[in-house]
Every structure is written in structure tokens, then in C-alpha cells.
Amino acid sequence: MSIPDASGWTIVVPVKPAAVGKTRLTDVGTDREALARAIALDTIAAAAAADLVSRVIVVTDDEGVRSEFRRSRTVDVVPEGDTRGLDAAIALGAEAAGVGAPRAALLGDVPALRPADLDAALELAASVERGLVPDAEGTGSTLITARAGAVWVSAFGPDSAARHRLLGCTDLAVERDSTLHRDVDTAAQLSEAVALGVGPRTSAVLAAAAA
């Protein structure tokens, strides 16, 4: 594993195995498994490319994701194993990150994410104990943050934005058109992400399906 850099953020990205991920994307005319993996890979790559990020920890049992980053210097992969549930998987990554650096959890389904948008959110997060970026619908969460030394807590799932606020997360004033808002679970959300400009792996899967 890479050595944590206390001067930069550690981003934890939970990723379900592609075989069981993104089950609501079965009607978009593509190989769902390939699309689910591509979305995750583009999200991870964008996070790793952000200037304020020194380390990305991916929590997954997906072998395709594991092999993609096996030789990466900035992306570590932690096996999910018997851990069940999004928050439990994220907690594994947060534990691996330690408390010496600021940490954030980013959902692994933000394929249009631009590194600069993540940097903008992390810059805002540096001034609060815990931060939150809601999804485009305003009810879910795509990113939560914790400054160095803070005990890690998260409450992803339905209506997670409200539950994260109850846990002390402050809404970060990111731009309304930030790509960080646009996670993808449905065909309509995928279309919105494509309009923003998805990463190369997602683009390739969609292009192959359209050919």
C-alpha cells in the first residue's frame, strides 16, 4: 500500500462487484456489467487525478477493478470480503486511511466527475469538521468529508443527505453544475451524466453498444 500523505486528502471509494452492480441499468442497451465497471473506473481515475488528493482507497471484490490499479502508486485496493453494506465497506477504507490525514468517501458511480470539481469541494471541506455534497436530486449524498483527527461516520442510502446533516455534516457550497452532484443509478441519470461528459471507459462502453 502507498504511504499516506498528511498534506493531501485520502478518498475512499466503495465499489460493488460489477456482476451485481447497477442493476437498474439493464435497459440502456449495453452490457450492464461492463458499464458498471467502466463507471467505477472513470470515477476512481478522476478522483486520483485531483490535485488535492494524495491517495485513493478502493474497497471492492471486483477483480476487474483490482487488476486495473494493481500497479498504481496512488490507488490502493482493499478487499471487501465478508463486509456487507455501503457504510461498512467505507468504514474499512476509512480505517485503512487512518486519522492522520483528511478523509472523504466518494460514491463509485460519478462517471462525469472532473478532478477540478472534486478539488473545489475538498478546498471548501478543509474549513469544516465534516462536509457533504448532495446528489443532483438533493436527497442523496455523493461525497462526505472529515478533517484529520475526526472520528469517521457515514449514513449512505435513501435520504442520506438529511441523515448526514444529523451526523454533523455541513453542506459544501459547490457550484450547482458541479459534476460531483451527478451520480448514476438509472438510465435517465446516465443520460444526464453523458450530457456533462463521461470518462473514457464509460464512453467506450456506450460507443461499442451504439456501433
Protein backbone atom coordinates (compact mmCIF):
# COMPACT_ATOMS: atom_id res chain seq x y z
CA MET A 1 0.00 0.00 0.00
CA SER A 2 1.04 3.58 -0.55
CA ILE A 3 2.16 5.74 2.37
CA PRO A 4 -0.46 8.30 3.48
CA ASP A 5 0.41 11.93 2.83
CA ALA A 6 -0.88 14.09 5.66
CA SER A 7 -0.84 17.12 3.37
CA GLY A 8 -3.41 15.68 0.98
CA TRP A 9 -6.83 14.04 1.09
CA THR A 10 -7.47 10.32 1.15
CA ILE A 11 -10.57 9.39 -0.85
CA VAL A 12 -12.41 6.13 -0.09
CA VAL A 13 -14.43 4.73 -2.98
CA PRO A 14 -16.69 1.69 -2.38
CA VAL A 15 -17.38 -0.39 -5.49
CA LYS A 16 -19.74 -3.34 -5.72
CA PRO A 17 -18.60 -6.23 -7.92
CA ALA A 18 -19.76 -5.35 -11.43
CA ALA A 19 -21.70 -8.62 -11.68
CA VAL A 20 -24.14 -7.34 -9.05
CA GLY A 21 -23.80 -3.58 -9.51
CA LYS A 22 -26.04 -1.04 -11.25
CA THR A 23 -28.99 -3.39 -11.62
CA ARG A 24 -31.22 -0.51 -12.74
CA LEU A 25 -29.10 0.00 -15.87
CA THR A 26 -30.31 -3.14 -17.60
CA ASP A 27 -32.40 -1.23 -20.14
CA VAL A 28 -29.78 1.11 -21.61
CA GLY A 29 -28.71 -1.19 -24.45
CA THR A 30 -25.25 -2.04 -23.13
CA ASP A 31 -23.50 -4.84 -21.27
CA ARG A 32 -24.55 -3.86 -17.74
CA GLU A 33 -21.56 -5.49 -16.08
CA ALA A 34 -19.09 -3.76 -18.40
CA LEU A 35 -20.89 -0.46 -17.92
CA ALA A 36 -20.93 -0.75 -14.13
CA ARG A 37 -17.19 -1.43 -14.06
CA ALA A 38 -16.44 1.39 -16.51
CA ILE A 39 -18.42 3.89 -14.41
CA ALA A 40 -16.44 2.89 -11.32
CA LEU A 41 -13.08 3.04 -13.10
CA ASP A 42 -13.77 6.51 -14.51
CA THR A 43 -14.81 7.74 -11.07
CA ILE A 44 -11.68 6.36 -9.42
CA ALA A 45 -9.40 7.75 -12.13
CA ALA A 46 -10.93 11.22 -11.81
CA ALA A 47 -10.52 11.17 -8.03
CA ALA A 48 -6.89 10.08 -8.32
CA ALA A 49 -6.22 12.92 -10.78
CA ALA A 50 -7.42 15.65 -8.41
CA ASP A 51 -4.60 17.92 -7.20
CA LEU A 52 -5.68 17.84 -3.53
CA VAL A 53 -5.89 14.03 -3.42
CA SER A 54 -2.80 12.12 -2.36
CA ARG A 55 -4.34 8.68 -2.03
CA VAL A 56 -7.43 6.77 -3.20
CA ILE A 57 -8.56 3.64 -1.36
CA VAL A 58 -10.99 1.48 -3.32
CA VAL A 59 -12.98 -1.05 -1.31
CA THR A 60 -14.08 -3.83 -3.65
CA ASP A 61 -14.00 -7.50 -4.50
CA ASP A 62 -14.30 -6.78 -8.23
CA GLU A 63 -11.29 -8.40 -9.88
CA GLY A 64 -11.51 -6.14 -12.93
CA VAL A 65 -11.13 -3.07 -10.74
CA ARG A 66 -8.40 -4.70 -8.68
CA SER A 67 -6.33 -5.58 -11.74
CA GLU A 68 -6.73 -2.10 -13.24
CA PHE A 69 -4.99 -0.45 -10.30
CA ARG A 70 -2.63 -3.22 -9.23
CA ARG A 71 0.46 -1.19 -10.17
CA SER A 72 -0.90 2.23 -9.29
CA ARG A 73 1.11 4.42 -6.92
CA THR A 74 -1.87 6.47 -5.80
CA VAL A 75 -4.72 3.93 -5.75
CA ASP A 76 -4.86 1.11 -3.19
CA VAL A 77 -7.47 -1.64 -3.25
CA VAL A 78 -8.87 -3.09 -0.01
CA PRO A 79 -10.90 -6.31 -0.36
CA GLU A 80 -14.46 -6.05 0.90
CA GLY A 81 -14.56 -9.69 1.96
CA ASP A 82 -17.38 -10.54 4.35
CA THR A 83 -18.19 -6.87 4.93
CA ARG A 84 -21.75 -6.11 3.92
CA GLY A 85 -23.31 -2.74 3.22
CA LEU A 86 -22.08 0.55 1.84
CA ASP A 87 -21.23 2.18 5.16
CA ALA A 88 -19.38 -0.89 6.40
CA ALA A 89 -17.32 -1.01 3.21
CA ILE A 90 -16.49 2.68 3.52
CA ALA A 91 -15.55 2.20 7.17
CA LEU A 92 -13.00 -0.42 6.06
CA GLY A 93 -11.40 2.12 3.74
CA ALA A 94 -11.51 4.86 6.36
CA GLU A 95 -9.79 2.56 8.83
CA ALA A 96 -7.08 1.80 6.26
CA ALA A 97 -6.65 5.54 5.70
CA GLY A 98 -6.04 6.26 9.38
CA VAL A 99 -6.88 9.52 11.12
CA GLY A 100 -3.72 11.45 10.30
CA ALA A 101 -4.99 12.85 7.01
CA PRO A 102 -8.32 14.36 5.94
CA ARG A 103 -10.61 11.68 4.50
CA ALA A 104 -13.60 11.62 2.21
CA ALA A 105 -15.97 8.97 0.91
CA LEU A 106 -16.93 9.28 -2.75
CA LEU A 107 -19.56 7.05 -4.31
CA GLY A 108 -18.14 4.99 -7.16
CA ASP A 109 -20.76 5.98 -9.70
CA VAL A 110 -19.90 9.54 -10.74
CA PRO A 111 -18.55 8.88 -14.26
CA ALA A 112 -18.67 12.52 -15.38
CA LEU A 113 -16.59 13.69 -12.43
CA ARG A 114 -13.97 16.30 -13.25
CA PRO A 115 -10.93 16.38 -10.97
CA ALA A 116 -11.25 20.16 -10.67
CA ASP A 117 -14.78 19.80 -9.28
CA LEU A 118 -13.55 17.40 -6.62
CA ASP A 119 -10.70 19.78 -5.78
CA ALA A 120 -13.19 22.64 -5.37
CA ALA A 121 -15.26 20.60 -2.92
CA LEU A 122 -12.23 19.47 -0.93
CA GLU A 123 -10.97 23.03 -0.67
CA LEU A 124 -14.29 24.00 0.90
CA ALA A 125 -14.23 20.90 3.11
CA ALA A 126 -10.94 21.93 4.67
CA SER A 127 -12.74 24.59 6.71
CA VAL A 128 -15.37 22.32 8.30
CA GLU A 129 -15.26 19.32 10.62
CA ARG A 130 -17.44 17.24 8.30
CA GLY A 131 -18.70 18.14 4.85
CA LEU A 132 -21.40 16.93 2.46
CA VAL A 133 -22.13 17.18 -1.25
CA PRO A 134 -25.72 16.11 -2.02
CA ASP A 135 -26.62 14.41 -5.27
CA ALA A 136 -28.40 16.21 -8.10
CA GLU A 137 -31.80 15.29 -6.67
CA GLY A 138 -30.84 16.79 -3.31
CA THR A 139 -31.79 13.78 -1.17
CA GLY A 140 -28.76 11.52 -1.51
CA SER A 141 -25.05 12.12 -0.97
CA THR A 142 -22.18 11.70 -3.41
CA LEU A 143 -19.35 12.87 -1.14
CA ILE A 144 -18.85 13.25 2.59
CA THR A 145 -15.67 14.51 4.22
CA ALA A 146 -13.94 14.52 7.59
CA ARG A 147 -10.94 16.60 8.55
CA ALA A 148 -7.85 14.94 10.03
CA GLY A 149 -8.47 13.57 13.52
CA ALA A 150 -12.25 13.33 13.20
CA VAL A 151 -13.95 10.03 14.01
CA TRP A 152 -15.36 8.57 10.79
CA VAL A 153 -19.13 8.18 10.48
CA SER A 154 -21.38 7.81 7.44
CA ALA A 155 -25.03 7.06 6.67
CA PHE A 156 -25.37 6.40 2.95
CA GLY A 157 -28.57 5.07 1.43
CA PRO A 158 -32.06 6.58 0.92
CA ASP A 159 -32.33 10.17 2.16
CA SER A 160 -28.68 10.12 3.17
CA ALA A 161 -28.22 13.88 2.80
CA ALA A 162 -30.59 14.53 5.71
CA ARG A 163 -29.02 11.77 7.80
CA HIS A 164 -25.51 13.07 7.12
CA ARG A 165 -26.59 16.52 8.29
CA LEU A 166 -27.82 14.95 11.53
CA LEU A 167 -24.35 13.45 11.91
CA GLY A 168 -22.87 16.95 11.76
CA CYS A 169 -22.04 17.28 8.06
CA THR A 170 -22.16 20.78 6.61
CA ASP A 171 -23.33 21.27 3.03
CA LEU A 172 -20.39 22.38 0.92
CA ALA A 173 -21.16 25.32 -1.35
CA VAL A 174 -20.10 23.66 -4.59
CA GLU A 175 -21.44 25.03 -7.85
CA ARG A 176 -24.87 23.83 -8.94
CA ASP A 177 -23.43 22.49 -12.20
CA SER A 178 -20.59 20.62 -10.48
CA THR A 179 -20.13 17.14 -11.92
CA LEU A 180 -19.78 15.92 -8.35
CA HIS A 181 -23.56 16.09 -7.98
CA ARG A 182 -24.31 13.60 -10.76
CA ASP A 183 -24.22 10.01 -9.60
CA VAL A 184 -25.73 7.35 -11.86
CA ASP A 185 -28.26 4.69 -10.89
CA THR A 186 -30.87 4.96 -13.65
CA ALA A 187 -30.98 5.37 -17.41
CA ALA A 188 -32.16 8.97 -17.04
CA GLN A 189 -29.26 9.79 -14.73
CA LEU A 190 -26.85 8.14 -17.16
CA SER A 191 -28.17 10.38 -19.94
CA GLU A 192 -27.58 13.44 -17.75
CA ALA A 193 -24.05 12.27 -17.00
CA VAL A 194 -23.36 11.72 -20.69
CA ALA A 195 -24.53 15.28 -21.36
CA LEU A 196 -21.95 16.51 -18.83
CA GLY A 197 -19.25 14.38 -20.46
CA VAL A 198 -18.45 10.95 -19.01
CA GLY A 199 -14.97 9.48 -18.70
CA PRO A 200 -13.22 7.46 -21.44
CA ARG A 201 -14.12 3.99 -20.19
CA THR A 202 -17.82 4.75 -19.88
CA SER A 203 -17.75 6.48 -23.27
CA ALA A 204 -16.10 3.42 -24.84
CA VAL A 205 -18.72 1.01 -23.46
CA LEU A 206 -21.57 3.21 -24.65
CA ALA A 207 -19.95 3.71 -28.06
CA ALA A 208 -19.47 -0.04 -28.50
CA ALA A 209 -23.12 -0.62 -27.74
CA ALA A 210 -24.20 2.02 -30.24
CA ALA A 211 -21.99 0.66 -33.04
